[in-house]
N, C-alpha and C. Protein backbone atom coordinates (compact mmCIF):
# COMPACT_ATOMS: atom_id res chain seq x y z
N SER A 1 21.89 38.98 -11.05
CA SER A 1 22.10 37.75 -11.78
C SER A 1 21.36 36.61 -11.07
N GLU A 2 20.95 35.61 -11.85
CA GLU A 2 20.19 34.49 -11.30
C GLU A 2 21.11 33.45 -10.66
N SER A 3 20.59 32.78 -9.68
CA SER A 3 21.33 31.72 -9.00
C SER A 3 21.42 30.49 -9.90
N ASP A 4 22.46 29.68 -9.73
CA ASP A 4 22.65 28.47 -10.54
C ASP A 4 22.02 27.23 -9.90
N THR A 5 21.05 27.41 -9.03
CA THR A 5 20.38 26.27 -8.39
C THR A 5 19.11 25.91 -9.14
N ASN A 6 18.75 24.64 -9.09
CA ASN A 6 17.52 24.14 -9.71
C ASN A 6 16.59 23.64 -8.62
N ASP A 7 15.34 24.01 -8.69
CA ASP A 7 14.34 23.51 -7.76
C ASP A 7 13.61 22.35 -8.41
N VAL A 8 13.51 21.22 -7.70
CA VAL A 8 12.86 20.02 -8.23
C VAL A 8 11.72 19.65 -7.30
N ALA A 9 10.53 19.46 -7.88
CA ALA A 9 9.37 19.00 -7.11
C ALA A 9 8.98 17.63 -7.61
N MET A 10 8.78 16.67 -6.69
CA MET A 10 8.43 15.31 -7.08
C MET A 10 7.15 14.89 -6.36
N ASP A 11 6.30 14.15 -7.08
CA ASP A 11 5.11 13.55 -6.49
C ASP A 11 5.38 12.07 -6.34
N THR A 12 5.46 11.58 -5.12
CA THR A 12 5.79 10.17 -4.89
C THR A 12 4.61 9.24 -5.06
N GLY A 13 3.42 9.78 -5.31
CA GLY A 13 2.24 8.93 -5.47
C GLY A 13 1.66 8.58 -4.12
N ALA A 14 0.85 7.53 -4.10
CA ALA A 14 0.16 7.11 -2.88
C ALA A 14 1.14 6.47 -1.90
N LEU A 15 1.00 6.78 -0.65
CA LEU A 15 1.82 6.20 0.41
C LEU A 15 0.87 5.54 1.41
N TYR A 16 0.96 4.22 1.53
CA TYR A 16 0.07 3.47 2.42
C TYR A 16 0.80 3.15 3.72
N THR A 17 0.23 3.56 4.84
CA THR A 17 0.81 3.28 6.14
C THR A 17 -0.27 2.76 7.08
N LEU A 18 0.15 2.10 8.14
CA LEU A 18 -0.79 1.63 9.16
C LEU A 18 -0.95 2.72 10.21
N PRO A 19 -2.17 2.92 10.70
CA PRO A 19 -2.36 3.91 11.77
C PRO A 19 -1.60 3.48 13.02
N ALA A 20 -1.16 4.44 13.81
CA ALA A 20 -0.39 4.14 15.02
C ALA A 20 -1.19 3.29 16.00
N GLY A 21 -2.51 3.48 16.08
CA GLY A 21 -3.33 2.74 17.03
C GLY A 21 -4.12 1.62 16.40
N ALA A 22 -3.63 1.01 15.33
CA ALA A 22 -4.38 -0.05 14.64
C ALA A 22 -4.54 -1.27 15.55
N ASP A 23 -5.78 -1.79 15.62
CA ASP A 23 -6.07 -2.97 16.45
C ASP A 23 -5.93 -4.27 15.68
N PHE A 24 -6.12 -4.22 14.37
CA PHE A 24 -6.04 -5.44 13.57
C PHE A 24 -5.62 -5.09 12.15
N LEU A 25 -5.13 -6.10 11.45
CA LEU A 25 -4.73 -5.97 10.05
C LEU A 25 -5.46 -7.04 9.26
N MET A 26 -6.23 -6.65 8.25
CA MET A 26 -6.99 -7.61 7.45
C MET A 26 -6.24 -7.87 6.14
N CYS A 27 -6.05 -9.14 5.82
CA CYS A 27 -5.36 -9.54 4.60
C CYS A 27 -6.23 -10.52 3.83
N TYR A 28 -6.08 -10.55 2.53
CA TYR A 28 -6.82 -11.46 1.68
C TYR A 28 -5.88 -12.53 1.14
N SER A 29 -6.40 -13.76 0.99
CA SER A 29 -5.56 -14.88 0.55
C SER A 29 -5.38 -14.93 -0.96
N VAL A 30 -6.20 -14.21 -1.70
CA VAL A 30 -6.11 -14.23 -3.16
C VAL A 30 -6.26 -12.81 -3.70
N ALA A 31 -5.88 -12.65 -4.96
CA ALA A 31 -6.01 -11.35 -5.62
C ALA A 31 -7.47 -11.07 -5.96
N GLU A 32 -7.80 -9.82 -6.16
CA GLU A 32 -9.16 -9.41 -6.48
C GLU A 32 -9.65 -10.10 -7.75
N GLY A 33 -10.87 -10.63 -7.70
CA GLY A 33 -11.45 -11.31 -8.86
C GLY A 33 -11.24 -12.82 -8.85
N TYR A 34 -10.48 -13.35 -7.88
CA TYR A 34 -10.21 -14.79 -7.78
C TYR A 34 -10.82 -15.31 -6.49
N TYR A 35 -10.92 -16.64 -6.37
CA TYR A 35 -11.52 -17.27 -5.20
C TYR A 35 -10.56 -18.29 -4.60
N SER A 36 -10.67 -18.49 -3.31
CA SER A 36 -9.87 -19.48 -2.60
C SER A 36 -10.83 -20.41 -1.86
N PHE A 37 -10.62 -21.72 -1.98
CA PHE A 37 -11.49 -22.70 -1.33
C PHE A 37 -10.70 -23.47 -0.28
N ARG A 38 -11.35 -23.76 0.83
CA ARG A 38 -10.73 -24.52 1.91
C ARG A 38 -11.36 -25.90 1.97
N GLU A 39 -10.54 -26.94 1.97
CA GLU A 39 -11.04 -28.31 2.05
C GLU A 39 -11.36 -28.63 3.51
N LEU A 40 -12.64 -28.78 3.83
CA LEU A 40 -13.07 -28.96 5.21
C LEU A 40 -12.93 -30.40 5.71
N SER A 41 -12.73 -31.39 4.83
CA SER A 41 -12.70 -32.79 5.24
C SER A 41 -11.37 -33.20 5.87
N ASN A 42 -10.33 -32.45 5.71
CA ASN A 42 -9.01 -32.80 6.30
C ASN A 42 -8.70 -31.94 7.48
């Protein structure tokens, strides 16, 4: 007779992590396709 258990497999998608030995983290101030301007006079 068959067991009454169900096997479930899930794909969690992409998982983004930082490397253990990362020296720096680069971030952007705006979303892709947009621009950010800095006022240099102040």
